[in-house]
Amino acid sequence: MGDLKAKTPNEVLDVLGRVCPYPLVLTKKQIEKMPSGQLLKVLCDAPASAEDSIPRFAEKSGFPIEVEKVGDHWEIYIEKK
């Protein structure tokens, strides 16, 4: 897996202030709309979504993912394959 954080995301999804299951639901909807090879950056402040449900969805789907805690939120980078 390359360094996804070093790439410029094609889309940024802001789910700050949303609680489970909305960050995961909105992430799935956004990634479905994107063509293969594009990078989605998700801004999320829900720990369960950032540390569990979104990474699990990406791994099950075969999408490379990187999760980074930045201050009081997470930046999640998912590359659609």
PDB file of N, CA and C in Angstrom:
ATOM      1  N   MET A   1       0.856  -1.182   0.000  1.00  0.00           N
ATOM      2  CA  MET A   1       0.000   0.000   0.000  1.00  0.00           C
ATOM      3  C   MET A   1       0.887   1.225   0.000  1.00  0.00           C
ATOM      4  N   GLY A   2       0.636   2.175  -0.878  1.00  0.00           N
ATOM      5  CA  GLY A   2       1.416   3.406  -0.904  1.00  0.00           C
ATOM      6  C   GLY A   2       1.025   4.301   0.253  1.00  0.00           C
ATOM      7  N   ASP A   3       1.607   5.460   0.303  1.00  0.00           N
ATOM      8  CA  ASP A   3       1.255   6.415   1.347  1.00  0.00           C
ATOM      9  C   ASP A   3       0.070   7.242   0.859  1.00  0.00           C
ATOM     10  N   LEU A   4      -1.115   6.804   1.216  1.00  0.00           N
ATOM     11  CA  LEU A   4      -2.329   7.459   0.724  1.00  0.00           C
ATOM     12  C   LEU A   4      -2.413   8.910   1.179  1.00  0.00           C
ATOM     13  N   LYS A   5      -1.912   9.189   2.388  1.00  0.00           N
ATOM     14  CA  LYS A   5      -1.980  10.553   2.923  1.00  0.00           C
ATOM     15  C   LYS A   5      -1.178  11.547   2.089  1.00  0.00           C
ATOM     16  N   ALA A   6      -0.200  11.031   1.340  1.00  0.00           N
ATOM     17  CA  ALA A   6       0.634  11.919   0.523  1.00  0.00           C
ATOM     18  C   ALA A   6      -0.067  12.317  -0.770  1.00  0.00           C
ATOM     19  N   LYS A   7      -1.128  11.601  -1.125  1.00  0.00           N
ATOM     20  CA  LYS A   7      -1.853  11.884  -2.363  1.00  0.00           C
ATOM     21  C   LYS A   7      -2.935  12.927  -2.110  1.00  0.00           C
ATOM     22  N   THR A   8      -3.304  13.644  -3.169  1.00  0.00           N
ATOM     23  CA  THR A   8      -4.403  14.607  -3.078  1.00  0.00           C
ATOM     24  C   THR A   8      -5.714  13.848  -3.245  1.00  0.00           C
ATOM     25  N   PRO A   9      -6.626  13.953  -2.261  1.00  0.00           N
ATOM     26  CA  PRO A   9      -7.892  13.224  -2.397  1.00  0.00           C
ATOM     27  C   PRO A   9      -8.760  13.795  -3.512  1.00  0.00           C
ATOM     28  N   ASN A  10      -9.508  12.919  -4.179  1.00  0.00           N
ATOM     29  CA  ASN A  10     -10.452  13.349  -5.217  1.00  0.00           C
ATOM     30  C   ASN A  10     -11.720  13.924  -4.590  1.00  0.00           C
ATOM     31  N   GLU A  11     -12.086  13.405  -3.417  1.00  0.00           N
ATOM     32  CA  GLU A  11     -13.285  13.850  -2.700  1.00  0.00           C
ATOM     33  C   GLU A  11     -12.954  13.933  -1.210  1.00  0.00           C
ATOM     34  N   VAL A  12     -13.605  14.882  -0.514  1.00  0.00           N
ATOM     35  CA  VAL A  12     -13.484  14.983   0.942  1.00  0.00           C
ATOM     36  C   VAL A  12     -14.895  14.893   1.507  1.00  0.00           C
ATOM     37  N   LEU A  13     -15.082  13.970   2.440  1.00  0.00           N
ATOM     38  CA  LEU A  13     -16.377  13.769   3.080  1.00  0.00           C
ATOM     39  C   LEU A  13     -16.251  14.181   4.544  1.00  0.00           C
ATOM     40  N   ASP A  14     -17.020  15.178   4.951  1.00  0.00           N
ATOM     41  CA  ASP A  14     -16.991  15.677   6.320  1.00  0.00           C
ATOM     42  C   ASP A  14     -18.168  15.097   7.088  1.00  0.00           C
ATOM     43  N   VAL A  15     -17.881  14.179   7.999  1.00  0.00           N
ATOM     44  CA  VAL A  15     -18.932  13.597   8.841  1.00  0.00           C
ATOM     45  C   VAL A  15     -18.714  13.981  10.308  1.00  0.00           C
ATOM     46  N   LEU A  16     -18.021  15.096  10.526  1.00  0.00           N
ATOM     47  CA  LEU A  16     -17.782  15.565  11.892  1.00  0.00           C
ATOM     48  C   LEU A  16     -19.118  15.851  12.570  1.00  0.00           C
ATOM     49  N   GLY A  17     -19.245  15.422  13.817  1.00  0.00           N
ATOM     50  CA  GLY A  17     -20.474  15.635  14.564  1.00  0.00           C
ATOM     51  C   GLY A  17     -21.522  14.554  14.345  1.00  0.00           C
ATOM     52  N   ARG A  18     -21.280  13.646  13.415  1.00  0.00           N
ATOM     53  CA  ARG A  18     -22.223  12.548  13.164  1.00  0.00           C
ATOM     54  C   ARG A  18     -21.830  11.351  14.027  1.00  0.00           C
ATOM     55  N   VAL A  19     -22.811  10.611  14.503  1.00  0.00           N
ATOM     56  CA  VAL A  19     -22.535   9.414  15.301  1.00  0.00           C
ATOM     57  C   VAL A  19     -22.948   8.172  14.524  1.00  0.00           C
ATOM     58  N   CYS A  20     -22.444   7.027  14.962  1.00  0.00           N
ATOM     59  CA  CYS A  20     -22.761   5.751  14.310  1.00  0.00           C
ATOM     60  C   CYS A  20     -24.260   5.601  14.176  1.00  0.00           C
ATOM     61  N   PRO A  21     -24.716   5.087  13.064  1.00  0.00           N
ATOM     62  CA  PRO A  21     -23.953   4.513  11.944  1.00  0.00           C
ATOM     63  C   PRO A  21     -23.719   5.492  10.798  1.00  0.00           C
ATOM     64  N   TYR A  22     -24.057   6.779  10.974  1.00  0.00           N
ATOM     65  CA  TYR A  22     -24.030   7.714   9.841  1.00  0.00           C
ATOM     66  C   TYR A  22     -22.667   7.881   9.172  1.00  0.00           C
ATOM     67  N   PRO A  23     -21.548   7.975   9.905  1.00  0.00           N
ATOM     68  CA  PRO A  23     -20.268   8.101   9.183  1.00  0.00           C
ATOM     69  C   PRO A  23     -20.016   6.939   8.221  1.00  0.00           C
ATOM     70  N   LEU A  24     -20.321   5.716   8.656  1.00  0.00           N
ATOM     71  CA  LEU A  24     -20.119   4.557   7.787  1.00  0.00           C
ATOM     72  C   LEU A  24     -21.087   4.588   6.606  1.00  0.00           C
ATOM     73  N   VAL A  25     -22.351   4.873   6.858  1.00  0.00           N
ATOM     74  CA  VAL A  25     -23.361   4.903   5.792  1.00  0.00           C
ATOM     75  C   VAL A  25     -22.996   5.952   4.741  1.00  0.00           C
ATOM     76  N   LEU A  26     -22.624   7.142   5.187  1.00  0.00           N
ATOM     77  CA  LEU A  26     -22.276   8.216   4.253  1.00  0.00           C
ATOM     78  C   LEU A  26     -20.981   7.905   3.502  1.00  0.00           C
ATOM     79  N   THR A  27     -20.020   7.259   4.172  1.00  0.00           N
ATOM     80  CA  THR A  27     -18.770   6.854   3.511  1.00  0.00           C
ATOM     81  C   THR A  27     -19.063   5.842   2.406  1.00  0.00           C
ATOM     82  N   LYS A  28     -19.892   4.843   2.714  1.00  0.00           N
ATOM     83  CA  LYS A  28     -20.251   3.834   1.701  1.00  0.00           C
ATOM     84  C   LYS A  28     -20.921   4.491   0.500  1.00  0.00           C
ATOM     85  N   LYS A  29     -21.891   5.386   0.760  1.00  0.00           N
ATOM     86  CA  LYS A  29     -22.598   6.047  -0.347  1.00  0.00           C
ATOM     87  C   LYS A  29     -21.644   6.850  -1.217  1.00  0.00           C
ATOM     88  N   GLN A  30     -20.718   7.575  -0.581  1.00  0.00           N
ATOM     89  CA  GLN A  30     -19.770   8.404  -1.333  1.00  0.00           C
ATOM     90  C   GLN A  30     -18.839   7.544  -2.167  1.00  0.00           C
ATOM     91  N   ILE A  31     -18.300   6.484  -1.582  1.00  0.00           N
ATOM     92  CA  ILE A  31     -17.324   5.657  -2.308  1.00  0.00           C
ATOM     93  C   ILE A  31     -17.997   4.925  -3.467  1.00  0.00           C
ATOM     94  N   GLU A  32     -19.288   4.570  -3.318  1.00  0.00           N
ATOM     95  CA  GLU A  32     -20.011   3.913  -4.418  1.00  0.00           C
ATOM     96  C   GLU A  32     -20.114   4.819  -5.637  1.00  0.00           C
ATOM     97  N   LYS A  33     -20.202   6.124  -5.425  1.00  0.00           N
ATOM     98  CA  LYS A  33     -20.346   7.084  -6.530  1.00  0.00           C
ATOM     99  C   LYS A  33     -19.029   7.339  -7.260  1.00  0.00           C
ATOM    100  N   MET A  34     -17.915   6.998  -6.621  1.00  0.00           N
ATOM    101  CA  MET A  34     -16.602   7.350  -7.173  1.00  0.00           C
ATOM    102  C   MET A  34     -16.082   6.265  -8.112  1.00  0.00           C
ATOM    103  N   PRO A  35     -15.386   6.679  -9.181  1.00  0.00           N
ATOM    104  CA  PRO A  35     -14.770   5.679 -10.068  1.00  0.00           C
ATOM    105  C   PRO A  35     -13.568   5.012  -9.393  1.00  0.00           C
ATOM    106  N   SER A  36     -13.221   3.829  -9.878  1.00  0.00           N
ATOM    107  CA  SER A  36     -12.052   3.109  -9.365  1.00  0.00           C
ATOM    108  C   SER A  36     -10.796   3.958  -9.495  1.00  0.00           C
ATOM    109  N   GLY A  37      -9.909   3.800  -8.526  1.00  0.00           N
ATOM    110  CA  GLY A  37      -8.635   4.509  -8.549  1.00  0.00           C
ATOM    111  C   GLY A  37      -8.672   5.860  -7.853  1.00  0.00           C
ATOM    112  N   GLN A  38      -9.855   6.300  -7.437  1.00  0.00           N
ATOM    113  CA  GLN A  38      -9.935   7.603  -6.776  1.00  0.00           C
ATOM    114  C   GLN A  38      -9.764   7.461  -5.270  1.00  0.00           C
ATOM    115  N   LEU A  39      -9.393   8.581  -4.637  1.00  0.00           N
ATOM    116  CA  LEU A  39      -9.095   8.611  -3.213  1.00  0.00           C
ATOM    117  C   LEU A  39     -10.121   9.463  -2.483  1.00  0.00           C
ATOM    118  N   LEU A  40     -10.686   8.902  -1.415  1.00  0.00           N
ATOM    119  CA  LEU A  40     -11.650   9.602  -0.572  1.00  0.00           C
ATOM    120  C   LEU A  40     -11.001   9.900   0.770  1.00  0.00           C
ATOM    121  N   LYS A  41     -11.127  11.141   1.205  1.00  0.00           N
ATOM    122  CA  LYS A  41     -10.670  11.537   2.539  1.00  0.00           C
ATOM    123  C   LYS A  41     -11.911  11.789   3.385  1.00  0.00           C
ATOM    124  N   VAL A  42     -12.013  11.097   4.519  1.00  0.00           N
ATOM    125  CA  VAL A  42     -13.155  11.239   5.418  1.00  0.00           C
ATOM    126  C   VAL A  42     -12.676  11.918   6.693  1.00  0.00           C
ATOM    127  N   LEU A  43     -13.363  12.993   7.085  1.00  0.00           N
ATOM    128  CA  LEU A  43     -13.102  13.663   8.356  1.00  0.00           C
ATOM    129  C   LEU A  43     -14.144  13.170   9.340  1.00  0.00           C
ATOM    130  N   CYS A  44     -13.709  12.548  10.431  1.00  0.00           N
ATOM    131  CA  CYS A  44     -14.630  11.872  11.343  1.00  0.00           C
ATOM    132  C   CYS A  44     -14.188  12.082  12.788  1.00  0.00           C
ATOM    133  N   ASP A  45     -15.156  12.349  13.676  1.00  0.00           N
ATOM    134  CA  ASP A  45     -14.821  12.477  15.092  1.00  0.00           C
ATOM    135  C   ASP A  45     -15.556  11.445  15.955  1.00  0.00           C
ATOM    136  N   ALA A  46     -16.110  10.418  15.327  1.00  0.00           N
ATOM    137  CA  ALA A  46     -16.757   9.324  16.054  1.00  0.00           C
ATOM    138  C   ALA A  46     -15.767   8.168  16.177  1.00  0.00           C
ATOM    139  N   PRO A  47     -15.263   7.919  17.396  1.00  0.00           N
ATOM    140  CA  PRO A  47     -14.218   6.889  17.563  1.00  0.00           C
ATOM    141  C   PRO A  47     -14.596   5.516  17.020  1.00  0.00           C
ATOM    142  N   ALA A  48     -15.823   5.065  17.265  1.00  0.00           N
ATOM    143  CA  ALA A  48     -16.220   3.729  16.796  1.00  0.00           C
ATOM    144  C   ALA A  48     -16.179   3.637  15.276  1.00  0.00           C
ATOM    145  N   SER A  49     -16.582   4.702  14.597  1.00  0.00           N
ATOM    146  CA  SER A  49     -16.559   4.707  13.131  1.00  0.00           C
ATOM    147  C   SER A  49     -15.133   4.754  12.610  1.00  0.00           C
ATOM    148  N   ALA A  50     -14.326   5.654  13.166  1.00  0.00           N
ATOM    149  CA  ALA A  50     -12.964   5.858  12.669  1.00  0.00           C
ATOM    150  C   ALA A  50     -12.045   4.680  12.957  1.00  0.00           C
ATOM    151  N   GLU A  51     -12.240   4.028  14.100  1.00  0.00           N
ATOM    152  CA  GLU A  51     -11.322   2.965  14.503  1.00  0.00           C
ATOM    153  C   GLU A  51     -11.834   1.565  14.208  1.00  0.00           C
ATOM    154  N   ASP A  52     -13.132   1.443  13.887  1.00  0.00           N
ATOM    155  CA  ASP A  52     -13.689   0.102  13.725  1.00  0.00           C
ATOM    156  C   ASP A  52     -14.504  -0.060  12.436  1.00  0.00           C
ATOM    157  N   SER A  53     -15.666   0.572  12.358  1.00  0.00           N
ATOM    158  CA  SER A  53     -16.594   0.233  11.270  1.00  0.00           C
ATOM    159  C   SER A  53     -16.104   0.664   9.885  1.00  0.00           C
ATOM    160  N   ILE A  54     -15.549   1.864   9.761  1.00  0.00           N
ATOM    161  CA  ILE A  54     -15.069   2.304   8.437  1.00  0.00           C
ATOM    162  C   ILE A  54     -13.850   1.489   7.994  1.00  0.00           C
ATOM    163  N   PRO A  55     -12.836   1.286   8.864  1.00  0.00           N
ATOM    164  CA  PRO A  55     -11.715   0.431   8.438  1.00  0.00           C
ATOM    165  C   PRO A  55     -12.149  -1.000   8.091  1.00  0.00           C
ATOM    166  N   ARG A  56     -13.093  -1.556   8.849  1.00  0.00           N
ATOM    167  CA  ARG A  56     -13.562  -2.915   8.568  1.00  0.00           C
ATOM    168  C   ARG A  56     -14.257  -2.969   7.207  1.00  0.00           C
ATOM    169  N   PHE A  57     -15.092  -1.955   6.901  1.00  0.00           N
ATOM    170  CA  PHE A  57     -15.753  -1.883   5.596  1.00  0.00           C
ATOM    171  C   PHE A  57     -14.713  -1.822   4.472  1.00  0.00           C
ATOM    172  N   ALA A  58     -13.704  -0.961   4.625  1.00  0.00           N
ATOM    173  CA  ALA A  58     -12.691  -0.799   3.569  1.00  0.00           C
ATOM    174  C   ALA A  58     -11.913  -2.093   3.349  1.00  0.00           C
ATOM    175  N   GLU A  59     -11.521  -2.740   4.442  1.00  0.00           N
ATOM    176  CA  GLU A  59     -10.742  -3.974   4.319  1.00  0.00           C
ATOM    177  C   GLU A  59     -11.579  -5.084   3.680  1.00  0.00           C
ATOM    178  N   LYS A  60     -12.849  -5.203   4.081  1.00  0.00           N
ATOM    179  CA  LYS A  60     -13.739  -6.214   3.470  1.00  0.00           C
ATOM    180  C   LYS A  60     -13.915  -5.963   1.980  1.00  0.00           C
ATOM    181  N   SER A  61     -13.941  -4.685   1.602  1.00  0.00           N
ATOM    182  CA  SER A  61     -14.146  -4.311   0.200  1.00  0.00           C
ATOM    183  C   SER A  61     -12.861  -4.388  -0.612  1.00  0.00           C
ATOM    184  N   GLY A  62     -11.734  -4.594   0.062  1.00  0.00           N
ATOM    185  CA  GLY A  62     -10.453  -4.665  -0.637  1.00  0.00           C
ATOM    186  C   GLY A  62      -9.874  -3.306  -0.984  1.00  0.00           C
ATOM    187  N   PHE A  63     -10.312  -2.258  -0.263  1.00  0.00           N
ATOM    188  CA  PHE A  63      -9.821  -0.902  -0.521  1.00  0.00           C
ATOM    189  C   PHE A  63      -8.682  -0.580   0.442  1.00  0.00           C
ATOM    190  N   PRO A  64      -7.540  -0.104  -0.079  1.00  0.00           N
ATOM    191  CA  PRO A  64      -6.478   0.352   0.817  1.00  0.00           C
ATOM    192  C   PRO A  64      -6.998   1.497   1.691  1.00  0.00           C
ATOM    193  N   ILE A  65      -6.587   1.506   2.961  1.00  0.00           N
ATOM    194  CA  ILE A  65      -7.060   2.528   3.897  1.00  0.00           C
ATOM    195  C   ILE A  65      -5.934   2.935   4.833  1.00  0.00           C
ATOM    196  N   GLU A  66      -5.916   4.208   5.179  1.00  0.00           N
ATOM    197  CA  GLU A  66      -5.020   4.729   6.215  1.00  0.00           C
ATOM    198  C   GLU A  66      -5.857   5.617   7.127  1.00  0.00           C
ATOM    199  N   VAL A  67      -5.671   5.445   8.433  1.00  0.00           N
ATOM    200  CA  VAL A  67      -6.402   6.219   9.430  1.00  0.00           C
ATOM    201  C   VAL A  67      -5.387   6.960  10.288  1.00  0.00           C
ATOM    202  N   GLU A  68      -5.588   8.256  10.424  1.00  0.00           N
ATOM    203  CA  GLU A  68      -4.661   9.073  11.217  1.00  0.00           C
ATOM    204  C   GLU A  68      -5.456   9.973  12.164  1.00  0.00           C
ATOM    205  N   LYS A  69      -5.078   9.956  13.445  1.00  0.00           N
ATOM    206  CA  LYS A  69      -5.709  10.837  14.438  1.00  0.00           C
ATOM    207  C   LYS A  69      -5.037  12.199  14.329  1.00  0.00           C
ATOM    208  N   VAL A  70      -5.839  13.235  14.138  1.00  0.00           N
ATOM    209  CA  VAL A  70      -5.329  14.598  13.997  1.00  0.00           C
ATOM    210  C   VAL A  70      -6.094  15.471  14.993  1.00  0.00           C
ATOM    211  N   GLY A  71      -5.457  15.774  16.111  1.00  0.00           N
ATOM    212  CA  GLY A  71      -6.144  16.569  17.132  1.00  0.00           C
ATOM    213  C   GLY A  71      -7.342  15.812  17.683  1.00  0.00           C
ATOM    214  N   ASP A  72      -8.534  16.395  17.540  1.00  0.00           N
ATOM    215  CA  ASP A  72      -9.738  15.785  18.104  1.00  0.00           C
ATOM    216  C   ASP A  72     -10.565  15.021  17.073  1.00  0.00           C
ATOM    217  N   HIS A  73      -9.985  14.740  15.903  1.00  0.00           N
ATOM    218  CA  HIS A  73     -10.706  13.965  14.895  1.00  0.00           C
ATOM    219  C   HIS A  73      -9.744  13.045  14.142  1.00  0.00           C
ATOM    220  N   TRP A  74     -10.304  12.230  13.276  1.00  0.00           N
ATOM    221  CA  TRP A  74      -9.512  11.324  12.442  1.00  0.00           C
ATOM    222  C   TRP A  74      -9.639  11.739  10.989  1.00  0.00           C
ATOM    223  N   GLU A  75      -8.555  11.522  10.253  1.00  0.00           N
ATOM    224  CA  GLU A  75      -8.566  11.658   8.802  1.00  0.00           C
ATOM    225  C   GLU A  75      -8.400  10.247   8.258  1.00  0.00           C
ATOM    226  N   ILE A  76      -9.370   9.830   7.479  1.00  0.00           N
ATOM    227  CA  ILE A  76      -9.400   8.461   6.956  1.00  0.00           C
ATOM    228  C   ILE A  76      -9.262   8.556   5.438  1.00  0.00           C
ATOM    229  N   TYR A  77      -8.270   7.889   4.912  1.00  0.00           N
ATOM    230  CA  TYR A  77      -8.029   7.886   3.466  1.00  0.00           C
ATOM    231  C   TYR A  77      -8.363   6.499   2.924  1.00  0.00           C
ATOM    232  N   ILE A  78      -9.285   6.456   1.969  1.00  0.00           N
ATOM    233  CA  ILE A  78      -9.699   5.189   1.365  1.00  0.00           C
ATOM    234  C   ILE A  78      -9.535   5.304  -0.153  1.00  0.00           C
ATOM    235  N   GLU A  79      -8.826   4.350  -0.726  1.00  0.00           N
ATOM    236  CA  GLU A  79      -8.663   4.330  -2.183  1.00  0.00           C
ATOM    237  C   GLU A  79      -9.594   3.286  -2.762  1.00  0.00           C
ATOM    238  N   LYS A  80     -10.482   3.720  -3.654  1.00  0.00           N
ATOM    239  CA  LYS A  80     -11.412   2.773  -4.274  1.00  0.00           C
ATOM    240  C   LYS A  80     -10.685   1.962  -5.324  1.00  0.00           C
ATOM    241  N   LYS A  81     -10.825   0.676  -5.251  1.00  0.00           N
ATOM    242  CA  LYS A  81     -10.198  -0.229  -6.224  1.00  0.00           C
ATOM    243  C   LYS A  81     -11.234  -0.771  -7.178  1.00  0.00           C
TER     244      LYS A  81
END
